[in-house]
C-alpha atoms as a PDB file:
ATOM      1  CA  MET A   1     -10.386   3.979 -46.204  1.00  0.00           C
ATOM      2  CA  ARG A   2      -6.870   5.315 -45.749  1.00  0.00           C
ATOM      3  CA  THR A   3      -5.251   7.042 -48.704  1.00  0.00           C
ATOM      4  CA  ASP A   4      -1.778   7.644 -47.282  1.00  0.00           C
ATOM      5  CA  SER A   5       1.011   5.073 -47.206  1.00  0.00           C
ATOM      6  CA  PRO A   6       0.315   1.915 -45.203  1.00  0.00           C
ATOM      7  CA  GLU A   7       1.474   1.546 -41.628  1.00  0.00           C
ATOM      8  CA  GLY A   8       2.377  -2.030 -42.431  1.00  0.00           C
ATOM      9  CA  TRP A   9       1.862  -5.104 -44.559  1.00  0.00           C
ATOM     10  CA  VAL A  10       0.179  -8.390 -43.758  1.00  0.00           C
ATOM     11  CA  LEU A  11       2.343 -10.909 -45.599  1.00  0.00           C
ATOM     12  CA  TYR A  12       0.743 -14.217 -46.556  1.00  0.00           C
ATOM     13  CA  ASP A  13       1.699 -17.312 -48.572  1.00  0.00           C
ATOM     14  CA  GLU A  14       0.131 -16.925 -52.019  1.00  0.00           C
ATOM     15  CA  THR A  15       0.749 -20.631 -52.794  1.00  0.00           C
ATOM     16  CA  CYS A  16      -1.694 -21.608 -50.035  1.00  0.00           C
ATOM     17  CA  GLY A  17      -5.265 -21.863 -51.299  1.00  0.00           C
ATOM     18  CA  VAL A  18      -6.798 -20.936 -47.953  1.00  0.00           C
ATOM     19  CA  CYS A  19      -4.382 -18.044 -47.340  1.00  0.00           C
ATOM     20  CA  SER A  20      -4.585 -16.602 -50.854  1.00  0.00           C
ATOM     21  CA  ARG A  21      -8.362 -16.406 -50.589  1.00  0.00           C
ATOM     22  CA  TRP A  22      -8.832 -15.556 -46.918  1.00  0.00           C
ATOM     23  CA  VAL A  23      -6.266 -12.773 -46.416  1.00  0.00           C
ATOM     24  CA  PRO A  24      -7.260 -10.709 -49.505  1.00  0.00           C
ATOM     25  CA  PHE A  25     -10.916 -11.136 -48.484  1.00  0.00           C
ATOM     26  CA  TRP A  26     -10.085  -9.230 -45.297  1.00  0.00           C
ATOM     27  CA  ALA A  27      -8.046  -6.546 -47.130  1.00  0.00           C
ATOM     28  CA  PRO A  28     -10.733  -3.821 -46.781  1.00  0.00           C
ATOM     29  CA  THR A  29     -10.949  -4.404 -43.010  1.00  0.00           C
ATOM     30  CA  LEU A  30      -7.164  -4.456 -42.680  1.00  0.00           C
ATOM     31  CA  ALA A  31      -6.926  -1.251 -44.736  1.00  0.00           C
ATOM     32  CA  ARG A  32      -8.970   0.537 -42.066  1.00  0.00           C
ATOM     33  CA  LEU A  33      -6.137  -0.380 -39.675  1.00  0.00           C
ATOM     34  CA  GLY A  34      -3.581   1.057 -42.095  1.00  0.00           C
ATOM     35  CA  LEU A  35      -2.453  -2.371 -43.288  1.00  0.00           C
ATOM     36  CA  THR A  36      -2.009  -3.631 -46.837  1.00  0.00           C
ATOM     37  CA  VAL A  37      -1.976  -7.308 -47.826  1.00  0.00           C
ATOM     38  CA  THR A  38       0.972  -8.552 -49.865  1.00  0.00           C
ATOM     39  CA  PRO A  39       2.120 -12.054 -50.814  1.00  0.00           C
ATOM     40  CA  GLN A  40       5.260 -13.233 -49.060  1.00  0.00           C
ATOM     41  CA  GLN A  41       6.548 -14.147 -52.510  1.00  0.00           C
ATOM     42  CA  ALA A  42       6.676 -10.472 -53.597  1.00  0.00           C
ATOM     43  CA  PRO A  43      10.265  -9.699 -54.711  1.00  0.00           C
ATOM     44  CA  TRP A  44      10.874  -7.010 -52.077  1.00  0.00           C
ATOM     45  CA  VAL A  45       9.711  -9.069 -49.093  1.00  0.00           C
ATOM     46  CA  VAL A  46      12.658 -11.450 -48.569  1.00  0.00           C
ATOM     47  CA  SER A  47      15.229  -8.683 -48.941  1.00  0.00           C
ATOM     48  CA  ARG A  48      13.297  -6.308 -46.652  1.00  0.00           C
ATOM     49  CA  LEU A  49      12.861  -8.937 -43.928  1.00  0.00           C
ATOM     50  CA  GLY A  50      16.405 -10.257 -44.090  1.00  0.00           C
ATOM     51  CA  LEU A  51      15.151 -13.835 -43.690  1.00  0.00           C
ATOM     52  CA  SER A  52      15.585 -16.905 -45.831  1.00  0.00           C
ATOM     53  CA  PRO A  53      12.674 -17.643 -48.201  1.00  0.00           C
ATOM     54  CA  ASP A  54      11.784 -20.720 -46.098  1.00  0.00           C
ATOM     55  CA  ALA A  55      11.691 -18.660 -42.895  1.00  0.00           C
ATOM     56  CA  VAL A  56       9.466 -16.047 -44.551  1.00  0.00           C
ATOM     57  CA  LEU A  57       6.942 -18.731 -45.567  1.00  0.00           C
ATOM     58  CA  ARG A  58       6.722 -20.382 -42.136  1.00  0.00           C
ATOM     59  CA  ASP A  59       4.111 -17.961 -40.723  1.00  0.00           C
ATOM     60  CA  ILE A  60       1.811 -15.117 -41.613  1.00  0.00           C
ATOM     61  CA  LEU A  61       3.764 -11.942 -40.905  1.00  0.00           C
ATOM     62  CA  LEU A  62       2.975  -8.350 -40.083  1.00  0.00           C
ATOM     63  CA  LEU A  63       5.730  -5.966 -41.150  1.00  0.00           C
ATOM     64  CA  PHE A  64       5.508  -2.369 -39.970  1.00  0.00           C
ATOM     65  CA  ASN A  65       7.033   0.622 -41.758  1.00  0.00           C
ATOM     66  CA  ASP A  66       9.495   1.072 -38.897  1.00  0.00           C
ATOM     67  CA  GLY A  67      10.823  -2.476 -39.400  1.00  0.00           C
ATOM     68  CA  ARG A  68       9.029  -4.158 -36.486  1.00  0.00           C
ATOM     69  CA  GLN A  69       7.685  -7.618 -37.270  1.00  0.00           C
ATOM     70  CA  ILE A  70       4.981  -9.765 -35.731  1.00  0.00           C
ATOM     71  CA  ALA A  71       4.557 -13.405 -36.748  1.00  0.00           C
ATOM     72  CA  GLY A  72       2.063 -16.220 -36.458  1.00  0.00           C
ATOM     73  CA  ALA A  73      -0.770 -16.164 -33.948  1.00  0.00           C
ATOM     74  CA  ASP A  74       0.352 -12.735 -32.726  1.00  0.00           C
ATOM     75  CA  VAL A  75      -0.643 -11.251 -36.109  1.00  0.00           C
ATOM     76  CA  TYR A  76      -4.201 -12.393 -35.489  1.00  0.00           C
ATOM     77  CA  ARG A  77      -4.062 -11.023 -31.948  1.00  0.00           C
ATOM     78  CA  TYR A  78      -2.864  -7.641 -33.215  1.00  0.00           C
ATOM     79  CA  VAL A  79      -5.716  -7.433 -35.707  1.00  0.00           C
ATOM     80  CA  MET A  80      -8.365  -8.639 -33.244  1.00  0.00           C
ATOM     81  CA  ARG A  81      -7.149  -6.167 -30.611  1.00  0.00           C
ATOM     82  CA  ASN A  82      -7.644  -3.286 -33.060  1.00  0.00           C
ATOM     83  CA  ILE A  83     -11.099  -4.155 -34.434  1.00  0.00           C
ATOM     84  CA  TRP A  84     -13.908  -3.350 -32.009  1.00  0.00           C
ATOM     85  CA  TRP A  85     -16.109  -6.347 -32.841  1.00  0.00           C
ATOM     86  CA  ALA A  86     -13.152  -8.788 -32.701  1.00  0.00           C
ATOM     87  CA  TYR A  87     -11.849  -7.481 -29.376  1.00  0.00           C
ATOM     88  CA  PRO A  88     -13.694 -10.152 -27.321  1.00  0.00           C
ATOM     89  CA  LEU A  89     -11.879 -12.824 -29.371  1.00  0.00           C
ATOM     90  CA  TYR A  90      -8.601 -11.066 -28.623  1.00  0.00           C
ATOM     91  CA  VAL A  91      -9.358 -11.214 -24.897  1.00  0.00           C
ATOM     92  CA  LEU A  92     -10.069 -14.942 -25.160  1.00  0.00           C
ATOM     93  CA  SER A  93      -6.837 -15.452 -27.150  1.00  0.00           C
ATOM     94  CA  ILE A  94      -4.729 -13.971 -24.335  1.00  0.00           C
ATOM     95  CA  THR A  95      -6.481 -15.717 -21.449  1.00  0.00           C
ATOM     96  CA  PRO A  96      -4.192 -18.227 -19.693  1.00  0.00           C
ATOM     97  CA  GLY A  97      -4.852 -21.707 -21.021  1.00  0.00           C
ATOM     98  CA  LEU A  98      -6.782 -20.410 -24.019  1.00  0.00           C
ATOM     99  CA  ARG A  99      -3.649 -18.594 -25.210  1.00  0.00           C
ATOM    100  CA  GLN A 100      -1.803 -21.895 -25.511  1.00  0.00           C
ATOM    101  CA  LEU A 101      -4.795 -23.458 -27.265  1.00  0.00           C
ATOM    102  CA  PHE A 102      -5.004 -20.523 -29.706  1.00  0.00           C
ATOM    103  CA  ASP A 103      -1.250 -20.772 -30.422  1.00  0.00           C
ATOM    104  CA  LEU A 104      -1.499 -24.537 -30.909  1.00  0.00           C
ATOM    105  CA  GLY A 105      -4.470 -24.181 -33.264  1.00  0.00           C
ATOM    106  CA  TYR A 106      -2.575 -21.601 -35.305  1.00  0.00           C
ATOM    107  CA  ARG A 107       0.579 -23.751 -35.432  1.00  0.00           C
ATOM    108  CA  VAL A 108      -1.306 -26.889 -36.510  1.00  0.00           C
ATOM    109  CA  PHE A 109      -3.095 -24.950 -39.266  1.00  0.00           C
ATOM    110  CA  ALA A 110       0.066 -23.137 -40.428  1.00  0.00           C
ATOM    111  CA  ASP A 111       2.088 -26.351 -40.589  1.00  0.00           C
ATOM    112  CA  ASN A 112      -0.652 -28.131 -42.551  1.00  0.00           C
ATOM    113  CA  ARG A 113      -2.131 -25.284 -44.622  1.00  0.00           C
ATOM    114  CA  LEU A 114      -1.086 -26.659 -47.997  1.00  0.00           C
ATOM    115  CA  GLY A 115      -2.575 -30.080 -47.228  1.00  0.00           C
ATOM    116  CA  ILE A 116      -5.747 -28.459 -45.879  1.00  0.00           C
ATOM    117  CA  SER A 117      -5.997 -26.355 -49.038  1.00  0.00           C
ATOM    118  CA  ALA A 118      -5.603 -29.448 -51.210  1.00  0.00           C
ATOM    119  CA  ALA A 119      -8.127 -31.472 -49.183  1.00  0.00           C
ATOM    120  CA  CYS A 120     -10.660 -28.637 -49.510  1.00  0.00           C
ATOM    121  CA  GLY A 121      -9.961 -28.233 -53.227  1.00  0.00           C
ATOM    122  CA  LEU A 122      -8.747 -24.668 -52.695  1.00  0.00           C
ATOM    123  CA  ARG A 123      -6.063 -23.681 -55.128  1.00  0.00           C
ATOM    124  CA  PRO A 124      -4.634 -20.181 -55.275  1.00  0.00           C
ATOM    125  CA  PRO A 125      -6.773 -18.009 -57.599  1.00  0.00           C
ATOM    126  CA  ASP A 126      -4.124 -17.945 -60.345  1.00  0.00           C
ATOM    127  CA  GLN A 127      -4.262 -21.765 -60.492  1.00  0.00           C
ATOM    128  CA  ASP A 128      -8.061 -22.034 -60.764  1.00  0.00           C
ATOM    129  CA  LEU A 129      -7.966 -21.860 -64.559  1.00  0.00           C
ATOM    130  CA  ARG A 130      -5.430 -24.669 -64.953  1.00  0.00           C
END
């Protein structure tokens, strides 16, 4: 586990039931890559990214300390490329034809994540007690 400052932040939508459970679940694995998980709704995120709140919530984002940003399916590719056991999935995700399928699958999920969360009965953890 890294103890120094993170190399970057994986920014996720904390209002999405799937996202708010899935991304923090992977936090220990991401920490080994030097990444910290943070909700996109954190006060510093919108000002740091220089995007509108709606644009920030469109995709999962990876923000590096140096200001570089990766969004959407490319965040998953970055993570898979840097974890030895996920590397074969990375290779599949960049293969011609499969790349487009991977991107389409991500886009369909991202655009429908709140409805998927509701259909699966997954509310964000802070709403479970309501």
